[in-house]
């Protein structure tokens, strides 16, 4: 089940909600704080876990004009 972020236009509360795959086409959810049924789904970024990082050898090399 995907996790979506929503923001309530009534109270400004932001919240997350697990949504069943059959309901992912719905753009609105009920706010748990004030009950507003029109909390809008927000576009969020993907989270990537793990320690992968660029190694030193793959870092771009900067060449200054004075060293040419």
N, C-alpha and C. Protein backbone atom coordinates (compact mmCIF):
# COMPACT_ATOMS: atom_id res chain seq x y z
N UNK A 1 0.84 -1.18 0.00
CA UNK A 1 0.00 0.00 0.00
C UNK A 1 0.89 1.24 0.00
N UNK A 2 0.65 2.15 -0.93
CA UNK A 2 1.44 3.38 -0.97
C UNK A 2 1.06 4.34 0.16
N UNK A 3 2.03 5.12 0.57
CA UNK A 3 1.84 6.13 1.60
C UNK A 3 1.79 7.48 0.91
N UNK A 4 0.68 8.21 1.10
CA UNK A 4 0.52 9.51 0.48
C UNK A 4 0.51 10.61 1.53
N UNK A 5 0.96 11.80 1.13
CA UNK A 5 0.92 12.98 2.00
C UNK A 5 -0.25 13.85 1.57
N UNK A 6 -0.97 14.41 2.55
CA UNK A 6 -2.11 15.27 2.30
C UNK A 6 -1.96 16.55 3.11
N UNK A 7 -2.62 17.63 2.64
CA UNK A 7 -2.68 18.88 3.39
C UNK A 7 -4.14 19.32 3.41
N UNK A 8 -4.63 19.67 4.60
CA UNK A 8 -6.01 20.10 4.77
C UNK A 8 -6.12 21.60 4.46
N UNK A 9 -7.04 21.99 3.58
CA UNK A 9 -7.21 23.41 3.28
C UNK A 9 -7.92 24.16 4.40
N UNK A 10 -8.61 23.44 5.27
CA UNK A 10 -9.35 24.07 6.36
C UNK A 10 -8.49 24.47 7.53
N UNK A 11 -7.69 23.52 8.04
CA UNK A 11 -6.90 23.79 9.24
C UNK A 11 -5.40 23.84 8.97
N UNK A 12 -4.97 23.51 7.74
CA UNK A 12 -3.56 23.57 7.39
C UNK A 12 -2.74 22.38 7.85
N UNK A 13 -3.38 21.40 8.47
CA UNK A 13 -2.70 20.22 8.98
C UNK A 13 -2.19 19.37 7.82
N UNK A 14 -0.95 18.89 7.90
CA UNK A 14 -0.44 17.93 6.93
C UNK A 14 -0.39 16.57 7.61
N UNK A 15 -0.71 15.53 6.84
CA UNK A 15 -0.74 14.18 7.41
C UNK A 15 -0.47 13.17 6.32
N UNK A 16 -0.12 11.96 6.73
CA UNK A 16 0.15 10.86 5.81
C UNK A 16 -0.94 9.81 5.97
N UNK A 17 -1.21 9.10 4.89
CA UNK A 17 -2.24 8.07 4.93
C UNK A 17 -1.85 6.92 4.01
N UNK A 18 -1.95 5.69 4.53
CA UNK A 18 -1.75 4.51 3.70
C UNK A 18 -3.02 4.31 2.88
N UNK A 19 -2.86 4.13 1.58
CA UNK A 19 -4.01 4.02 0.69
C UNK A 19 -3.96 2.68 -0.02
N UNK A 20 -5.07 1.99 -0.05
CA UNK A 20 -5.14 0.71 -0.78
C UNK A 20 -4.95 0.96 -2.27
N UNK A 21 -4.38 0.00 -2.94
CA UNK A 21 -4.10 0.14 -4.37
C UNK A 21 -5.35 0.46 -5.18
N UNK A 22 -6.50 -0.06 -4.76
CA UNK A 22 -7.74 0.20 -5.49
C UNK A 22 -8.25 1.62 -5.29
N UNK A 23 -7.67 2.36 -4.33
CA UNK A 23 -8.13 3.72 -4.03
C UNK A 23 -7.10 4.79 -4.38
N UNK A 24 -6.04 4.44 -5.08
CA UNK A 24 -4.97 5.40 -5.36
C UNK A 24 -5.39 6.49 -6.34
N UNK A 25 -6.52 6.32 -7.03
CA UNK A 25 -6.97 7.35 -7.96
C UNK A 25 -7.70 8.49 -7.26
N UNK A 26 -7.95 8.36 -5.96
CA UNK A 26 -8.62 9.43 -5.21
C UNK A 26 -7.59 10.48 -4.80
N UNK A 27 -7.89 11.73 -5.07
CA UNK A 27 -6.96 12.81 -4.75
C UNK A 27 -7.24 13.46 -3.41
N UNK A 28 -8.32 13.06 -2.73
CA UNK A 28 -8.70 13.69 -1.48
C UNK A 28 -8.82 12.67 -0.36
N UNK A 29 -8.63 13.12 0.88
CA UNK A 29 -8.79 12.27 2.06
C UNK A 29 -9.34 13.13 3.19
N UNK A 30 -9.95 12.50 4.17
CA UNK A 30 -10.50 13.23 5.31
C UNK A 30 -9.40 13.60 6.30
N UNK A 31 -9.39 14.85 6.72
CA UNK A 31 -8.41 15.34 7.68
C UNK A 31 -8.68 14.72 9.05
N UNK A 32 -7.67 14.12 9.68
CA UNK A 32 -7.88 13.52 11.00
C UNK A 32 -8.04 14.57 12.11
N UNK A 33 -7.67 15.82 11.84
CA UNK A 33 -7.76 16.87 12.86
C UNK A 33 -9.14 17.53 12.87
N UNK A 34 -9.61 17.99 11.69
CA UNK A 34 -10.88 18.73 11.66
C UNK A 34 -11.99 18.01 10.91
N UNK A 35 -11.68 16.91 10.21
CA UNK A 35 -12.70 16.15 9.50
C UNK A 35 -13.03 16.65 8.11
N UNK A 36 -12.32 17.66 7.62
CA UNK A 36 -12.56 18.18 6.28
C UNK A 36 -12.31 17.06 5.26
N UNK A 37 -13.30 16.75 4.41
CA UNK A 37 -13.13 15.64 3.46
C UNK A 37 -12.32 16.00 2.21
N UNK A 38 -11.87 17.24 2.10
CA UNK A 38 -11.19 17.68 0.88
C UNK A 38 -9.71 17.98 1.08
N UNK A 39 -9.03 17.23 1.92
CA UNK A 39 -7.59 17.40 2.07
C UNK A 39 -6.91 16.91 0.79
N UNK A 40 -6.08 17.74 0.21
CA UNK A 40 -5.50 17.45 -1.10
C UNK A 40 -4.20 16.66 -0.99
N UNK A 41 -4.07 15.68 -1.87
CA UNK A 41 -2.85 14.88 -1.93
C UNK A 41 -1.72 15.74 -2.47
N UNK A 42 -0.56 15.63 -1.86
CA UNK A 42 0.61 16.41 -2.24
C UNK A 42 1.57 15.56 -3.05
N UNK A 43 2.34 16.20 -3.89
CA UNK A 43 3.40 15.52 -4.62
C UNK A 43 4.58 15.42 -3.67
N UNK A 44 5.08 14.22 -3.49
CA UNK A 44 6.21 14.04 -2.57
C UNK A 44 7.36 13.37 -3.30
N UNK A 45 8.53 13.48 -2.70
CA UNK A 45 9.72 12.87 -3.28
C UNK A 45 9.87 11.45 -2.78
N UNK A 46 10.63 10.67 -3.50
CA UNK A 46 10.90 9.31 -3.10
C UNK A 46 12.01 9.29 -2.06
N UNK A 47 11.87 8.42 -1.09
CA UNK A 47 12.92 8.24 -0.09
C UNK A 47 13.71 6.99 -0.46
N UNK A 48 15.01 7.10 -0.42
CA UNK A 48 15.87 5.97 -0.74
C UNK A 48 16.70 5.66 0.49
N UNK A 49 16.62 4.43 0.95
CA UNK A 49 17.42 4.07 2.12
C UNK A 49 18.67 3.35 1.65
N UNK A 50 19.67 3.36 2.49
CA UNK A 50 20.93 2.72 2.13
C UNK A 50 22.04 3.73 2.18
N UNK A 51 23.24 3.26 2.17
CA UNK A 51 24.38 4.15 2.31
C UNK A 51 25.11 4.39 1.02
N UNK A 52 24.46 4.19 -0.11
CA UNK A 52 25.15 4.39 -1.38
C UNK A 52 25.50 5.85 -1.57
N UNK A 53 26.75 6.08 -1.86
CA UNK A 53 27.19 7.44 -2.15
C UNK A 53 28.23 7.38 -3.25
N UNK A 54 28.49 8.50 -3.82
CA UNK A 54 29.47 8.56 -4.90
C UNK A 54 30.87 8.39 -4.34
N UNK A 55 31.66 7.57 -4.97
CA UNK A 55 33.04 7.41 -4.52
C UNK A 55 33.88 8.57 -5.03
N UNK A 56 35.05 8.74 -4.46
CA UNK A 56 35.93 9.84 -4.85
C UNK A 56 36.32 9.71 -6.30
N UNK A 57 36.54 8.48 -6.79
CA UNK A 57 37.00 8.30 -8.16
C UNK A 57 35.93 8.67 -9.18
N UNK A 58 34.66 8.69 -8.79
CA UNK A 58 33.61 9.03 -9.74
C UNK A 58 33.20 10.49 -9.64
N UNK A 59 33.84 11.24 -8.76
CA UNK A 59 33.52 12.66 -8.61
C UNK A 59 34.04 13.43 -9.82
N UNK A 60 33.31 14.47 -10.24
CA UNK A 60 33.79 15.25 -11.37
C UNK A 60 35.11 15.94 -11.05
N UNK A 61 35.95 16.08 -12.05
CA UNK A 61 37.25 16.71 -11.88
C UNK A 61 37.17 18.12 -12.42
N UNK A 62 37.60 19.09 -11.64
CA UNK A 62 37.59 20.49 -12.06
C UNK A 62 38.99 20.88 -12.50
N UNK A 63 39.08 21.40 -13.70
CA UNK A 63 40.36 21.83 -14.24
C UNK A 63 40.31 23.34 -14.37
N UNK A 64 41.26 24.02 -13.75
CA UNK A 64 41.30 25.48 -13.87
C UNK A 64 42.08 25.88 -15.11
N UNK A 65 41.80 27.05 -15.63
CA UNK A 65 42.46 27.50 -16.85
C UNK A 65 43.95 27.76 -16.64
N UNK A 66 44.38 28.00 -15.40
CA UNK A 66 45.78 28.26 -15.11
C UNK A 66 46.64 27.02 -15.15
N UNK A 67 46.05 25.84 -15.11
CA UNK A 67 46.84 24.61 -15.08
C UNK A 67 46.99 23.98 -16.45
N UNK A 68 46.50 24.63 -17.49
CA UNK A 68 46.59 24.06 -18.84
C UNK A 68 47.83 24.48 -19.55
